[in-house]
Amino acid sequence: MYLAGLIFTIIGWLFQLYETLIKKTRNINIFLPLAYFIACILFGISSLTAGDVFYAIIDAVCALLALIAFIVLITRKKT
């Protein structure tokens, strides 16, 4: 699970690099918080499997924050 989480994190950052370097914008690519949300869930599952509840809680909080960012990005109006 941990490796899969790292892969999702890398994928999210690759989308953001595309947004920043290729498209030359300062916008947050919608796939970054989505991929990070999935990665945090996978990190949390990995922590729970290892019996580390503290890190699982931190991963859950990070997942919640990424989900909030994702929701804000999909619901905000373009200006």
Protein backbone atom coordinates (compact mmCIF):
# COMPACT_ATOMS: atom_id res chain seq x y z
CA MET A 1 0.00 0.00 0.00
CA TYR A 2 2.82 2.39 0.84
CA LEU A 3 4.43 2.04 -2.60
CA ALA A 4 1.08 2.61 -4.31
CA GLY A 5 0.63 5.76 -2.22
CA LEU A 6 4.02 7.04 -3.31
CA ILE A 7 3.14 6.36 -6.93
CA PHE A 8 -0.09 8.36 -6.60
CA THR A 9 1.87 11.20 -4.98
CA ILE A 10 4.34 11.24 -7.88
CA ILE A 11 1.50 11.16 -10.42
CA GLY A 12 -0.18 14.12 -8.72
CA TRP A 13 3.03 16.13 -8.78
CA LEU A 14 3.64 15.26 -12.43
CA PHE A 15 0.24 16.75 -13.29
CA GLN A 16 1.14 19.85 -11.28
CA LEU A 17 4.50 20.16 -13.03
CA TYR A 18 2.66 19.99 -16.36
CA GLU A 19 0.35 22.77 -15.19
CA THR A 20 3.24 24.94 -14.04
CA LEU A 21 5.98 24.27 -16.57
CA ILE A 22 4.11 23.45 -19.79
CA LYS A 23 0.91 25.47 -19.44
CA LYS A 24 2.80 28.20 -17.52
CA THR A 25 0.03 28.88 -15.02
CA ARG A 26 0.04 29.14 -11.26
CA ASN A 27 -3.22 27.22 -10.91
CA ILE A 28 -3.46 24.05 -8.87
CA ASN A 29 -4.06 21.14 -11.20
CA ILE A 30 -7.20 19.31 -10.07
CA PHE A 31 -5.41 15.95 -10.15
CA LEU A 32 -2.86 16.96 -7.48
CA PRO A 33 -5.27 17.01 -4.51
CA LEU A 34 -7.17 14.03 -5.90
CA ALA A 35 -4.02 11.93 -6.26
CA TYR A 36 -2.80 13.11 -2.86
CA PHE A 37 -6.13 12.17 -1.27
CA ILE A 38 -5.84 8.65 -2.68
CA ALA A 39 -2.20 8.47 -1.57
CA CYS A 40 -3.07 9.52 1.99
CA ILE A 41 -5.79 6.89 2.18
CA LEU A 42 -3.27 4.27 1.05
CA PHE A 43 -0.68 5.58 3.53
CA GLY A 44 -3.31 5.35 6.27
CA ILE A 45 -4.17 1.77 5.37
CA SER A 46 -0.46 0.96 5.40
CA SER A 47 -0.09 2.56 8.85
CA LEU A 48 -3.07 0.67 10.23
CA THR A 49 -1.73 -2.58 8.82
CA ALA A 50 1.57 -1.90 10.59
CA GLY A 51 -0.35 -1.17 13.82
CA ASP A 52 0.61 2.51 13.93
CA VAL A 53 -2.62 4.29 14.81
CA PHE A 54 -0.98 7.70 15.34
CA TYR A 55 0.31 7.89 11.77
CA ALA A 56 -2.98 6.53 10.46
CA ILE A 57 -4.77 9.46 12.14
CA ILE A 58 -2.30 11.94 10.65
CA ASP A 59 -2.82 10.35 7.22
CA ALA A 60 -6.60 10.63 7.68
CA VAL A 61 -6.29 14.34 8.51
CA CYS A 62 -4.10 14.87 5.42
CA ALA A 63 -6.63 12.99 3.30
CA LEU A 64 -9.43 15.17 4.65
CA LEU A 65 -7.49 18.35 3.83
CA ALA A 66 -6.75 17.10 0.31
CA LEU A 67 -10.42 16.24 -0.15
CA ILE A 68 -11.45 19.74 0.94
CA ALA A 69 -8.96 21.26 -1.53
CA PHE A 70 -10.33 19.01 -4.29
CA ILE A 71 -13.93 20.01 -3.52
CA VAL A 72 -13.01 23.69 -3.51
CA LEU A 73 -11.28 23.32 -6.86
CA ILE A 74 -14.23 21.60 -8.54
CA THR A 75 -16.86 23.97 -7.08
CA ARG A 76 -15.17 27.34 -7.48
CA LYS A 77 -16.19 29.60 -10.31
CA LYS A 78 -13.59 30.53 -12.87
CA THR A 79 -12.80 34.22 -13.00
